[in-house]
Amino acid sequence: ADTDTVPVFTALGQWVGRAATPDAIGTLIDTHERVNGGDG
């Protein structure tokens, strides 16, 4: 609640990045999957 940024990790604990706003989470995850092939 103290910040608008949203840290994002894979369920296995790999750092994905920090979304600038909650609305940007989907874009960050989509980018991560295109670059890294998902969580597997």
PDB file of all heavy atoms in Angstrom:
ATOM      1  N   ALA A   1       0.814  -1.218   0.000  1.00  0.00           N
ATOM      2  CA  ALA A   1       0.000   0.000   0.000  1.00  0.00           C
ATOM      3  C   ALA A   1       0.850   1.271   0.000  1.00  0.00           C
ATOM      4  O   ALA A   1       0.364   2.338  -0.371  1.00  0.00           O
ATOM      5  CB  ALA A   1      -0.934   0.009   1.194  1.00  0.00           C
ATOM      6  N   ASP A   2       2.117   1.170   0.376  1.00  0.00           N
ATOM      7  CA  ASP A   2       2.990   2.342   0.452  1.00  0.00           C
ATOM      8  C   ASP A   2       3.614   2.732  -0.887  1.00  0.00           C
ATOM      9  O   ASP A   2       4.273   3.760  -0.971  1.00  0.00           O
ATOM     10  CB  ASP A   2       4.100   2.111   1.476  1.00  0.00           C
ATOM     11  CG  ASP A   2       3.550   1.994   2.888  1.00  0.00           C
ATOM     12  OD1 ASP A   2       2.477   2.586   3.171  1.00  0.00           O
ATOM     13  OD2 ASP A   2       4.183   1.315   3.714  1.00  0.00           O
ATOM     14  N   THR A   3       3.446   1.911  -1.920  1.00  0.00           N
ATOM     15  CA  THR A   3       4.064   2.198  -3.218  1.00  0.00           C
ATOM     16  C   THR A   3       3.187   1.689  -4.352  1.00  0.00           C
ATOM     17  O   THR A   3       2.428   0.737  -4.168  1.00  0.00           O
ATOM     18  CB  THR A   3       5.472   1.570  -3.310  1.00  0.00           C
ATOM     19  OG1 THR A   3       6.044   1.900  -4.573  1.00  0.00           O
ATOM     20  CG2 THR A   3       5.449   0.070  -3.147  1.00  0.00           C
ATOM     21  N   ASP A   4       3.287   2.333  -5.510  1.00  0.00           N
ATOM     22  CA  ASP A   4       2.538   1.897  -6.686  1.00  0.00           C
ATOM     23  C   ASP A   4       3.254   0.801  -7.451  1.00  0.00           C
ATOM     24  O   ASP A   4       2.636   0.060  -8.203  1.00  0.00           O
ATOM     25  CB  ASP A   4       2.303   3.077  -7.641  1.00  0.00           C
ATOM     26  CG  ASP A   4       1.292   4.067  -7.085  1.00  0.00           C
ATOM     27  OD1 ASP A   4       0.448   3.673  -6.255  1.00  0.00           O
ATOM     28  OD2 ASP A   4       1.354   5.237  -7.487  1.00  0.00           O
ATOM     29  N   THR A   5       4.584   0.685  -7.285  1.00  0.00           N
ATOM     30  CA  THR A   5       5.334  -0.329  -8.027  1.00  0.00           C
ATOM     31  C   THR A   5       5.035  -1.710  -7.453  1.00  0.00           C
ATOM     32  O   THR A   5       4.725  -1.866  -6.277  1.00  0.00           O
ATOM     33  CB  THR A   5       6.842  -0.062  -7.993  1.00  0.00           C
ATOM     34  OG1 THR A   5       7.299  -0.103  -6.646  1.00  0.00           O
ATOM     35  CG2 THR A   5       7.176   1.276  -8.630  1.00  0.00           C
ATOM     36  N   VAL A   6       5.128  -2.724  -8.320  1.00  0.00           N
ATOM     37  CA  VAL A   6       4.773  -4.082  -7.934  1.00  0.00           C
ATOM     38  C   VAL A   6       5.903  -5.033  -8.324  1.00  0.00           C
ATOM     39  O   VAL A   6       6.113  -5.291  -9.510  1.00  0.00           O
ATOM     40  CB  VAL A   6       3.463  -4.524  -8.624  1.00  0.00           C
ATOM     41  CG1 VAL A   6       3.063  -5.912  -8.166  1.00  0.00           C
ATOM     42  CG2 VAL A   6       2.342  -3.520  -8.372  1.00  0.00           C
ATOM     43  N   PRO A   7       6.648  -5.561  -7.343  1.00  0.00           N
ATOM     44  CA  PRO A   7       7.669  -6.566  -7.654  1.00  0.00           C
ATOM     45  C   PRO A   7       7.010  -7.860  -8.145  1.00  0.00           C
ATOM     46  O   PRO A   7       5.971  -8.271  -7.622  1.00  0.00           O
ATOM     47  CB  PRO A   7       8.363  -6.802  -6.313  1.00  0.00           C
ATOM     48  CG  PRO A   7       7.994  -5.624  -5.469  1.00  0.00           C
ATOM     49  CD  PRO A   7       6.650  -5.179  -5.942  1.00  0.00           C
ATOM     50  N   VAL A   8       7.639  -8.492  -9.138  1.00  0.00           N
ATOM     51  CA  VAL A   8       7.098  -9.718  -9.719  1.00  0.00           C
ATOM     52  C   VAL A   8       8.203 -10.771  -9.756  1.00  0.00           C
ATOM     53  O   VAL A   8       9.318 -10.502 -10.189  1.00  0.00           O
ATOM     54  CB  VAL A   8       6.560  -9.462 -11.150  1.00  0.00           C
ATOM     55  CG1 VAL A   8       6.012 -10.745 -11.755  1.00  0.00           C
ATOM     56  CG2 VAL A   8       5.508  -8.362 -11.147  1.00  0.00           C
ATOM     57  N   PHE A   9       7.871 -11.970  -9.285  1.00  0.00           N
ATOM     58  CA  PHE A   9       8.776 -13.120  -9.265  1.00  0.00           C
ATOM     59  C   PHE A   9       8.064 -14.305  -9.893  1.00  0.00           C
ATOM     60  O   PHE A   9       6.841 -14.350  -9.926  1.00  0.00           O
ATOM     61  CB  PHE A   9       9.124 -13.516  -7.823  1.00  0.00           C
ATOM     62  CG  PHE A   9       9.794 -12.452  -7.026  1.00  0.00           C
ATOM     63  CD1 PHE A   9       9.060 -11.487  -6.358  1.00  0.00           C
ATOM     64  CD2 PHE A   9      11.170 -12.415  -6.936  1.00  0.00           C
ATOM     65  CE1 PHE A   9       9.687 -10.498  -5.615  1.00  0.00           C
ATOM     66  CE2 PHE A   9      11.806 -11.436  -6.197  1.00  0.00           C
ATOM     67  CZ  PHE A   9      11.055 -10.477  -5.532  1.00  0.00           C
ATOM     68  N   THR A  10       8.827 -15.293 -10.350  1.00  0.00           N
ATOM     69  CA  THR A  10       8.206 -16.557 -10.727  1.00  0.00           C
ATOM     70  C   THR A  10       7.874 -17.288  -9.434  1.00  0.00           C
ATOM     71  O   THR A  10       8.406 -16.974  -8.370  1.00  0.00           O
ATOM     72  CB  THR A  10       9.133 -17.445 -11.580  1.00  0.00           C
ATOM     73  OG1 THR A  10      10.234 -17.874 -10.785  1.00  0.00           O
ATOM     74  CG2 THR A  10       9.606 -16.733 -12.830  1.00  0.00           C
ATOM     75  N   ALA A  11       7.007 -18.277  -9.522  1.00  0.00           N
ATOM     76  CA  ALA A  11       6.658 -19.075  -8.340  1.00  0.00           C
ATOM     77  C   ALA A  11       7.874 -19.814  -7.790  1.00  0.00           C
ATOM     78  O   ALA A  11       7.913 -20.166  -6.613  1.00  0.00           O
ATOM     79  CB  ALA A  11       5.542 -20.054  -8.675  1.00  0.00           C
ATOM     80  N   LEU A  12       8.893 -20.010  -8.635  1.00  0.00           N
ATOM     81  CA  LEU A  12      10.134 -20.663  -8.197  1.00  0.00           C
ATOM     82  C   LEU A  12      11.122 -19.682  -7.583  1.00  0.00           C
ATOM     83  O   LEU A  12      12.204 -20.063  -7.162  1.00  0.00           O
ATOM     84  CB  LEU A  12      10.786 -21.385  -9.376  1.00  0.00           C
ATOM     85  CG  LEU A  12       9.955 -22.508  -9.997  1.00  0.00           C
ATOM     86  CD1 LEU A  12      10.657 -23.073 -11.227  1.00  0.00           C
ATOM     87  CD2 LEU A  12       9.694 -23.600  -8.977  1.00  0.00           C
ATOM     88  N   GLY A  13      10.764 -18.385  -7.549  1.00  0.00           N
ATOM     89  CA  GLY A  13      11.598 -17.388  -6.896  1.00  0.00           C
ATOM     90  C   GLY A  13      12.504 -16.579  -7.799  1.00  0.00           C
ATOM     91  O   GLY A  13      13.257 -15.742  -7.324  1.00  0.00           O
ATOM     92  N   GLN A  14      12.447 -16.769  -9.115  1.00  0.00           N
ATOM     93  CA  GLN A  14      13.286 -15.995 -10.041  1.00  0.00           C
ATOM     94  C   GLN A  14      12.713 -14.584 -10.190  1.00  0.00           C
ATOM     95  O   GLN A  14      11.516 -14.402 -10.384  1.00  0.00           O
ATOM     96  CB  GLN A  14      13.329 -16.670 -11.404  1.00  0.00           C
ATOM     97  CG  GLN A  14      14.138 -15.900 -12.432  1.00  0.00           C
ATOM     98  CD  GLN A  14      14.024 -16.499 -13.829  1.00  0.00           C
ATOM     99  OE1 GLN A  14      13.218 -17.390 -14.086  1.00  0.00           O
ATOM    100  NE2 GLN A  14      14.831 -16.007 -14.736  1.00  0.00           N
ATOM    101  N   TRP A  15      13.584 -13.587 -10.074  1.00  0.00           N
ATOM    102  CA  TRP A  15      13.186 -12.198 -10.248  1.00  0.00           C
ATOM    103  C   TRP A  15      12.735 -11.963 -11.681  1.00  0.00           C
ATOM    104  O   TRP A  15      13.433 -12.330 -12.626  1.00  0.00           O
ATOM    105  CB  TRP A  15      14.362 -11.289  -9.902  1.00  0.00           C
ATOM    106  CG  TRP A  15      14.145  -9.848 -10.176  1.00  0.00           C
ATOM    107  CD1 TRP A  15      14.737  -9.105 -11.148  1.00  0.00           C
ATOM    108  CD2 TRP A  15      13.288  -8.951  -9.465  1.00  0.00           C
ATOM    109  NE1 TRP A  15      14.302  -7.793 -11.081  1.00  0.00           N
ATOM    110  CE2 TRP A  15      13.406  -7.679 -10.047  1.00  0.00           C
ATOM    111  CE3 TRP A  15      12.417  -9.103  -8.391  1.00  0.00           C
ATOM    112  CZ2 TRP A  15      12.697  -6.570  -9.588  1.00  0.00           C
ATOM    113  CZ3 TRP A  15      11.713  -7.996  -7.936  1.00  0.00           C
ATOM    114  CH2 TRP A  15      11.867  -6.750  -8.542  1.00  0.00           C
ATOM    115  N   VAL A  16      11.575 -11.357 -11.860  1.00  0.00           N
ATOM    116  CA  VAL A  16      11.065 -11.009 -13.180  1.00  0.00           C
ATOM    117  C   VAL A  16      11.256  -9.520 -13.425  1.00  0.00           C
ATOM    118  O   VAL A  16      11.719  -9.100 -14.468  1.00  0.00           O
ATOM    119  CB  VAL A  16       9.576 -11.400 -13.315  1.00  0.00           C
ATOM    120  CG1 VAL A  16       8.988 -10.891 -14.621  1.00  0.00           C
ATOM    121  CG2 VAL A  16       9.420 -12.910 -13.203  1.00  0.00           C
ATOM    122  N   GLY A  17      10.883  -8.716 -12.446  1.00  0.00           N
ATOM    123  CA  GLY A  17      11.032  -7.275 -12.583  1.00  0.00           C
ATOM    124  C   GLY A  17      10.055  -6.540 -11.703  1.00  0.00           C
ATOM    125  O   GLY A  17       9.330  -7.128 -10.911  1.00  0.00           O
ATOM    126  N   ARG A  18      10.020  -5.238 -11.875  1.00  0.00           N
ATOM    127  CA  ARG A  18       9.135  -4.390 -11.083  1.00  0.00           C
ATOM    128  C   ARG A  18       8.196  -3.667 -12.041  1.00  0.00           C
ATOM    129  O   ARG A  18       8.631  -2.882 -12.872  1.00  0.00           O
ATOM    130  CB  ARG A  18       9.968  -3.390 -10.282  1.00  0.00           C
ATOM    131  CG  ARG A  18       9.167  -2.562  -9.309  1.00  0.00           C
ATOM    132  CD  ARG A  18      10.066  -1.678  -8.462  1.00  0.00           C
ATOM    133  NE  ARG A  18      11.086  -2.391  -7.735  1.00  0.00           N
ATOM    134  CZ  ARG A  18      10.931  -2.901  -6.503  1.00  0.00           C
ATOM    135  NH1 ARG A  18       9.798  -2.762  -5.883  1.00  0.00           N
ATOM    136  NH2 ARG A  18      11.930  -3.528  -5.917  1.00  0.00           N
ATOM    137  N   ALA A  19       6.908  -3.955 -11.907  1.00  0.00           N
ATOM    138  CA  ALA A  19       5.901  -3.272 -12.723  1.00  0.00           C
ATOM    139  C   ALA A  19       5.702  -1.865 -12.152  1.00  0.00           C
ATOM    140  O   ALA A  19       5.603  -1.685 -10.940  1.00  0.00           O
ATOM    141  CB  ALA A  19       4.590  -4.047 -12.699  1.00  0.00           C
ATOM    142  N   ALA A  20       5.649  -0.877 -13.018  1.00  0.00           N
ATOM    143  CA  ALA A  20       5.514   0.510 -12.574  1.00  0.00           C
ATOM    144  C   ALA A  20       4.177   0.758 -11.881  1.00  0.00           C
ATOM    145  O   ALA A  20       4.096   1.577 -10.973  1.00  0.00           O
ATOM    146  CB  ALA A  20       5.676   1.451 -13.757  1.00  0.00           C
ATOM    147  N   THR A  21       3.148   0.042 -12.303  1.00  0.00           N
ATOM    148  CA  THR A  21       1.813   0.143 -11.703  1.00  0.00           C
ATOM    149  C   THR A  21       1.182  -1.248 -11.739  1.00  0.00           C
ATOM    150  O   THR A  21       1.632  -2.114 -12.504  1.00  0.00           O
ATOM    151  CB  THR A  21       0.900   1.100 -12.496  1.00  0.00           C
ATOM    152  OG1 THR A  21       0.657   0.535 -13.782  1.00  0.00           O
ATOM    153  CG2 THR A  21       1.511   2.497 -12.625  1.00  0.00           C
ATOM    154  N   PRO A  22       0.138  -1.474 -10.964  1.00  0.00           N
ATOM    155  CA  PRO A  22      -0.542  -2.766 -11.047  1.00  0.00           C
ATOM    156  C   PRO A  22      -1.059  -3.080 -12.456  1.00  0.00           C
ATOM    157  O   PRO A  22      -1.091  -4.239 -12.860  1.00  0.00           O
ATOM    158  CB  PRO A  22      -1.693  -2.624 -10.048  1.00  0.00           C
ATOM    159  CG  PRO A  22      -1.163  -1.669  -9.023  1.00  0.00           C
ATOM    160  CD  PRO A  22      -0.354  -0.673  -9.836  1.00  0.00           C
ATOM    161  N   ASP A  23      -1.434  -2.060 -13.210  1.00  0.00           N
ATOM    162  CA  ASP A  23      -1.914  -2.272 -14.582  1.00  0.00           C
ATOM    163  C   ASP A  23      -0.828  -2.805 -15.511  1.00  0.00           C
ATOM    164  O   ASP A  23      -1.133  -3.361 -16.565  1.00  0.00           O
ATOM    165  CB  ASP A  23      -2.472  -0.977 -15.167  1.00  0.00           C
ATOM    166  CG  ASP A  23      -3.743  -0.526 -14.468  1.00  0.00           C
ATOM    167  OD1 ASP A  23      -4.449  -1.380 -13.896  1.00  0.00           O
ATOM    168  OD2 ASP A  23      -4.026   0.683 -14.507  1.00  0.00           O
ATOM    169  N   ALA A  24       0.437  -2.643 -15.154  1.00  0.00           N
ATOM    170  CA  ALA A  24       1.556  -3.061 -16.006  1.00  0.00           C
ATOM    171  C   ALA A  24       2.039  -4.483 -15.716  1.00  0.00           C
ATOM    172  O   ALA A  24       2.952  -4.970 -16.384  1.00  0.00           O
ATOM    173  CB  ALA A  24       2.713  -2.077 -15.851  1.00  0.00           C
ATOM    174  N   ILE A  25       1.427  -5.173 -14.758  1.00  0.00           N
ATOM    175  CA  ILE A  25       1.867  -6.526 -14.400  1.00  0.00           C
ATOM    176  C   ILE A  25       1.772  -7.469 -15.594  1.00  0.00           C
ATOM    177  O   ILE A  25       2.705  -8.212 -15.891  1.00  0.00           O
ATOM    178  CB  ILE A  25       1.044  -7.076 -13.218  1.00  0.00           C
ATOM    179  CG1 ILE A  25       1.330  -6.262 -11.957  1.00  0.00           C
ATOM    180  CG2 ILE A  25       1.344  -8.553 -12.983  1.00  0.00           C
ATOM    181  CD1 ILE A  25       0.367  -6.550 -10.817  1.00  0.00           C
ATOM    182  N   GLY A  26       0.649  -7.458 -16.291  1.00  0.00           N
ATOM    183  CA  GLY A  26       0.457  -8.350 -17.440  1.00  0.00           C
ATOM    184  C   GLY A  26       1.498  -8.142 -18.521  1.00  0.00           C
ATOM    185  O   GLY A  26       2.023  -9.111 -19.078  1.00  0.00           O
ATOM    186  N   THR A  27       1.819  -6.905 -18.799  1.00  0.00           N
ATOM    187  CA  THR A  27       2.830  -6.596 -19.813  1.00  0.00           C
ATOM    188  C   THR A  27       4.193  -7.114 -19.388  1.00  0.00           C
ATOM    189  O   THR A  27       4.927  -7.699 -20.191  1.00  0.00           O
ATOM    190  CB  THR A  27       2.892  -5.071 -20.057  1.00  0.00           C
ATOM    191  OG1 THR A  27       1.601  -4.633 -20.469  1.00  0.00           O
ATOM    192  CG2 THR A  27       3.928  -4.726 -21.114  1.00  0.00           C
ATOM    193  N   LEU A  28       4.538  -6.934 -18.121  1.00  0.00           N
ATOM    194  CA  LEU A  28       5.824  -7.415 -17.612  1.00  0.00           C
ATOM    195  C   LEU A  28       5.915  -8.936 -17.706  1.00  0.00           C
ATOM    196  O   LEU A  28       6.924  -9.482 -18.166  1.00  0.00           O
ATOM    197  CB  LEU A  28       6.014  -6.962 -16.163  1.00  0.00           C
ATOM    198  CG  LEU A  28       7.319  -7.347 -15.496  1.00  0.00           C
ATOM    199  CD1 LEU A  28       8.510  -6.687 -16.182  1.00  0.00           C
ATOM    200  CD2 LEU A  28       7.290  -6.957 -14.025  1.00  0.00           C
ATOM    201  N   ILE A  29       4.853  -9.629 -17.334  1.00  0.00           N
ATOM    202  CA  ILE A  29       4.841 -11.096 -17.413  1.00  0.00           C
ATOM    203  C   ILE A  29       4.909 -11.557 -18.866  1.00  0.00           C
ATOM    204  O   ILE A  29       5.659 -12.478 -19.198  1.00  0.00           O
ATOM    205  CB  ILE A  29       3.606 -11.667 -16.692  1.00  0.00           C
ATOM    206  CG1 ILE A  29       3.758 -11.465 -15.180  1.00  0.00           C
ATOM    207  CG2 ILE A  29       3.412 -13.142 -17.026  1.00  0.00           C
ATOM    208  CD1 ILE A  29       2.526 -11.822 -14.368  1.00  0.00           C
ATOM    209  N   ASP A  30       4.139 -10.927 -19.756  1.00  0.00           N
ATOM    210  CA  ASP A  30       4.180 -11.294 -21.178  1.00  0.00           C
ATOM    211  C   ASP A  30       5.581 -11.126 -21.755  1.00  0.00           C
ATOM    212  O   ASP A  30       6.077 -11.997 -22.488  1.00  0.00           O
ATOM    213  CB  ASP A  30       3.202 -10.441 -21.988  1.00  0.00           C
ATOM    214  CG  ASP A  30       1.748 -10.799 -21.732  1.00  0.00           C
ATOM    215  OD1 ASP A  30       1.478 -11.890 -21.187  1.00  0.00           O
ATOM    216  OD2 ASP A  30       0.887  -9.969 -22.090  1.00  0.00           O
ATOM    217  N   THR A  31       6.232 -10.029 -21.430  1.00  0.00           N
ATOM    218  CA  THR A  31       7.598  -9.779 -21.900  1.00  0.00           C
ATOM    219  C   THR A  31       8.545 -10.840 -21.366  1.00  0.00           C
ATOM    220  O   THR A  31       9.372 -11.384 -22.105  1.00  0.00           O
ATOM    221  CB  THR A  31       8.071  -8.379 -21.482  1.00  0.00           C
ATOM    222  OG1 THR A  31       7.169  -7.420 -22.035  1.00  0.00           O
ATOM    223  CG2 THR A  31       9.483  -8.110 -21.955  1.00  0.00           C
ATOM    224  N   HIS A  32       8.431 -11.155 -20.093  1.00  0.00           N
ATOM    225  CA  HIS A  32       9.294 -12.177 -19.485  1.00  0.00           C
ATOM    226  C   HIS A  32       9.120 -13.525 -20.177  1.00  0.00           C
ATOM    227  O   HIS A  32      10.091 -14.214 -20.467  1.00  0.00           O
ATOM    228  CB  HIS A  32       8.989 -12.299 -17.985  1.00  0.00           C
ATOM    229  CG  HIS A  32       9.821 -13.316 -17.298  1.00  0.00           C
ATOM    230  ND1 HIS A  32       9.389 -14.600 -17.079  1.00  0.00           N
ATOM    231  CD2 HIS A  32      11.067 -13.241 -16.781  1.00  0.00           C
ATOM    232  CE1 HIS A  32      10.342 -15.273 -16.457  1.00  0.00           C
ATOM    233  NE2 HIS A  32      11.369 -14.469 -16.271  1.00  0.00           N
ATOM    234  N   GLU A  33       7.885 -13.897 -20.468  1.00  0.00           N
ATOM    235  CA  GLU A  33       7.636 -15.189 -21.125  1.00  0.00           C
ATOM    236  C   GLU A  33       8.178 -15.218 -22.555  1.00  0.00           C
ATOM    237  O   GLU A  33       8.684 -16.229 -23.004  1.00  0.00           O
ATOM    238  CB  GLU A  33       6.155 -15.527 -21.080  1.00  0.00           C
ATOM    239  CG  GLU A  33       5.722 -15.901 -19.681  1.00  0.00           C
ATOM    240  CD  GLU A  33       4.312 -16.405 -19.601  1.00  0.00           C
ATOM    241  OE1 GLU A  33       3.555 -16.299 -20.588  1.00  0.00           O
ATOM    242  OE2 GLU A  33       3.951 -16.917 -18.539  1.00  0.00           O
ATOM    243  N   ARG A  34       8.075 -14.100 -23.281  1.00  0.00           N
ATOM    244  CA  ARG A  34       8.622 -14.063 -24.637  1.00  0.00           C
ATOM    245  C   ARG A  34      10.137 -14.185 -24.628  1.00  0.00           C
ATOM    246  O   ARG A  34      10.717 -14.872 -25.469  1.00  0.00           O
ATOM    247  CB  ARG A  34       8.205 -12.769 -25.340  1.00  0.00           C
ATOM    248  CG  ARG A  34       6.827 -12.807 -25.926  1.00  0.00           C
ATOM    249  CD  ARG A  34       6.599 -11.681 -26.914  1.00  0.00           C
ATOM    250  NE  ARG A  34       6.918 -10.379 -26.396  1.00  0.00           N
ATOM    251  CZ  ARG A  34       6.074  -9.582 -25.728  1.00  0.00           C
ATOM    252  NH1 ARG A  34       4.868  -9.982 -25.492  1.00  0.00           N
ATOM    253  NH2 ARG A  34       6.459  -8.396 -25.302  1.00  0.00           N
ATOM    254  N   VAL A  35      10.776 -13.548 -23.661  1.00  0.00           N
ATOM    255  CA  VAL A  35      12.237 -13.544 -23.599  1.00  0.00           C
ATOM    256  C   VAL A  35      12.783 -14.851 -23.021  1.00  0.00           C
ATOM    257  O   VAL A  35      13.783 -15.374 -23.486  1.00  0.00           O
ATOM    258  CB  VAL A  35      12.743 -12.330 -22.773  1.00  0.00           C
ATOM    259  CG1 VAL A  35      14.236 -12.413 -22.511  1.00  0.00           C
ATOM    260  CG2 VAL A  35      12.401 -11.027 -23.462  1.00  0.00           C
ATOM    261  N   ASN A  36      12.108 -15.375 -21.999  1.00  0.00           N
ATOM    262  CA  ASN A  36      12.640 -16.521 -21.257  1.00  0.00           C
ATOM    263  C   ASN A  36      11.873 -17.818 -21.456  1.00  0.00           C
ATOM    264  O   ASN A  36      12.226 -18.831 -20.853  1.00  0.00           O
ATOM    265  CB  ASN A  36      12.655 -16.182 -19.759  1.00  0.00           C
ATOM    266  CG  ASN A  36      13.585 -15.035 -19.471  1.00  0.00           C
ATOM    267  OD1 ASN A  36      14.769 -15.137 -19.667  1.00  0.00           O
ATOM    268  ND2 ASN A  36      13.032 -13.928 -19.021  1.00  0.00           N
ATOM    269  N   GLY A  37      10.816 -17.808 -22.221  1.00  0.00           N
ATOM    270  CA  GLY A  37      10.066 -19.029 -22.465  1.00  0.00           C
ATOM    271  C   GLY A  37       9.220 -19.468 -21.289  1.00  0.00           C
ATOM    272  O   GLY A  37       8.971 -20.645 -21.121  1.00  0.00           O
ATOM    273  N   GLY A  38       8.787 -18.564 -20.421  1.00  0.00           N
ATOM    274  CA  GLY A  38       7.946 -18.911 -19.290  1.00  0.00           C
ATOM    275  C   GLY A  38       8.743 -19.307 -18.077  1.00  0.00           C
ATOM    276  O   GLY A  38       9.922 -19.011 -17.952  1.00  0.00           O
ATOM    277  N   ASP A  39       8.086 -20.028 -17.171  1.00  0.00           N
ATOM    278  CA  ASP A  39       8.683 -20.360 -15.864  1.00  0.00           C
ATOM    279  C   ASP A  39       9.426 -21.679 -15.890  1.00  0.00           C
ATOM    280  O   ASP A  39      10.050 -22.061 -14.917  1.00  0.00           O
ATOM    281  CB  ASP A  39       7.584 -20.399 -14.799  1.00  0.00           C
ATOM    282  CG  ASP A  39       8.130 -20.435 -13.397  1.00  0.00           C
ATOM    283  OD1 ASP A  39       9.234 -19.901 -13.183  1.00  0.00           O
ATOM    284  OD2 ASP A  39       7.472 -21.000 -12.511  1.00  0.00           O
ATOM    285  N   GLY A  40       9.338 -22.432 -16.965  1.00  0.00           N
ATOM    286  CA  GLY A  40       9.923 -23.750 -16.988  1.00  0.00           C
ATOM    287  C   GLY A  40      11.333 -23.714 -17.295  1.00  0.00           C
ATOM    288  O   GLY A  40      12.278 -24.270 -17.029  1.00  0.00           O
TER     289      GLY A  40
END
